[in-house]
């Protein structure tokens, strides 16, 4: 998906402890720190904080 581009595929994992994950891409040169998004977790049916994992 991110073949020869400057964007890398990263995984966002729910902080609610459900184990639900999203895959997104980010530009590591412009955003070297870890991503945090508030997204929907369908396991608990709420919006929670998702943090970047390895």
C-alpha atoms as a PDB file:
ATOM      1  CA  UNK A   1       0.000   0.000   0.000  1.00  0.00           C
ATOM      2  CA  UNK A   2       2.683   2.534   0.941  1.00  0.00           C
ATOM      3  CA  UNK A   3       5.229   1.123  -1.554  1.00  0.00           C
ATOM      4  CA  UNK A   4       7.812   3.742  -2.518  1.00  0.00           C
ATOM      5  CA  UNK A   5       6.166   6.708  -0.817  1.00  0.00           C
ATOM      6  CA  UNK A   6       7.455   8.693   2.148  1.00  0.00           C
ATOM      7  CA  UNK A   7       4.511   7.498   4.224  1.00  0.00           C
ATOM      8  CA  UNK A   8       4.758   4.492   6.552  1.00  0.00           C
ATOM      9  CA  UNK A   9       1.990   2.159   7.681  1.00  0.00           C
ATOM     10  CA  UNK A  10       1.399   2.334  11.442  1.00  0.00           C
ATOM     11  CA  UNK A  11      -1.068   0.598  13.757  1.00  0.00           C
ATOM     12  CA  UNK A  12      -3.338   2.409  16.193  1.00  0.00           C
ATOM     13  CA  UNK A  13      -4.508   0.341  19.173  1.00  0.00           C
ATOM     14  CA  UNK A  14      -7.421   1.116  21.496  1.00  0.00           C
ATOM     15  CA  UNK A  15      -6.568   2.344  24.989  1.00  0.00           C
ATOM     16  CA  UNK A  16      -9.789   0.744  26.268  1.00  0.00           C
ATOM     17  CA  UNK A  17      -8.039  -2.638  26.336  1.00  0.00           C
ATOM     18  CA  UNK A  18     -10.291  -4.308  23.763  1.00  0.00           C
ATOM     19  CA  UNK A  19      -7.449  -5.088  21.369  1.00  0.00           C
ATOM     20  CA  UNK A  20      -9.184  -3.383  18.435  1.00  0.00           C
ATOM     21  CA  UNK A  21      -6.767  -1.813  15.929  1.00  0.00           C
ATOM     22  CA  UNK A  22      -6.778   0.547  12.976  1.00  0.00           C
ATOM     23  CA  UNK A  23      -4.101   0.729  10.263  1.00  0.00           C
ATOM     24  CA  UNK A  24      -3.220   4.211   9.012  1.00  0.00           C
ATOM     25  CA  UNK A  25      -0.323   5.854   7.178  1.00  0.00           C
ATOM     26  CA  UNK A  26       1.749   8.796   8.369  1.00  0.00           C
ATOM     27  CA  UNK A  27       4.656  10.869   7.126  1.00  0.00           C
ATOM     28  CA  UNK A  28       7.476  10.157   9.608  1.00  0.00           C
ATOM     29  CA  UNK A  29       9.498  13.161   8.491  1.00  0.00           C
ATOM     30  CA  UNK A  30       6.721  15.641   9.316  1.00  0.00           C
ATOM     31  CA  UNK A  31       5.335  13.766  12.360  1.00  0.00           C
ATOM     32  CA  UNK A  32       8.155  11.907  14.137  1.00  0.00           C
ATOM     33  CA  UNK A  33       6.203  11.534  17.397  1.00  0.00           C
ATOM     34  CA  UNK A  34       3.581   8.857  18.064  1.00  0.00           C
ATOM     35  CA  UNK A  35       0.054   9.394  16.759  1.00  0.00           C
ATOM     36  CA  UNK A  36      -3.008   9.651  18.982  1.00  0.00           C
ATOM     37  CA  UNK A  37      -6.525   9.801  17.542  1.00  0.00           C
ATOM     38  CA  UNK A  38      -9.944   9.619  19.095  1.00  0.00           C
ATOM     39  CA  UNK A  39     -11.759   6.985  17.022  1.00  0.00           C
ATOM     40  CA  UNK A  40     -14.686   4.602  17.291  1.00  0.00           C
ATOM     41  CA  UNK A  41     -14.147   1.251  19.017  1.00  0.00           C
ATOM     42  CA  UNK A  42     -16.915  -1.123  17.836  1.00  0.00           C
ATOM     43  CA  UNK A  43     -16.214  -3.641  20.620  1.00  0.00           C
ATOM     44  CA  UNK A  44     -17.401  -1.256  23.352  1.00  0.00           C
ATOM     45  CA  UNK A  45     -19.414   0.955  20.932  1.00  0.00           C
ATOM     46  CA  UNK A  46     -17.778   4.227  22.041  1.00  0.00           C
ATOM     47  CA  UNK A  47     -15.203   6.725  20.839  1.00  0.00           C
ATOM     48  CA  UNK A  48     -11.919   6.199  22.704  1.00  0.00           C
ATOM     49  CA  UNK A  49      -8.296   7.244  22.356  1.00  0.00           C
ATOM     50  CA  UNK A  50      -6.184   5.155  19.960  1.00  0.00           C
ATOM     51  CA  UNK A  51      -2.372   5.278  20.247  1.00  0.00           C
ATOM     52  CA  UNK A  52       0.306   4.240  17.782  1.00  0.00           C
ATOM     53  CA  UNK A  53       1.968   0.889  18.490  1.00  0.00           C
ATOM     54  CA  UNK A  54       4.771  -1.004  16.801  1.00  0.00           C
END
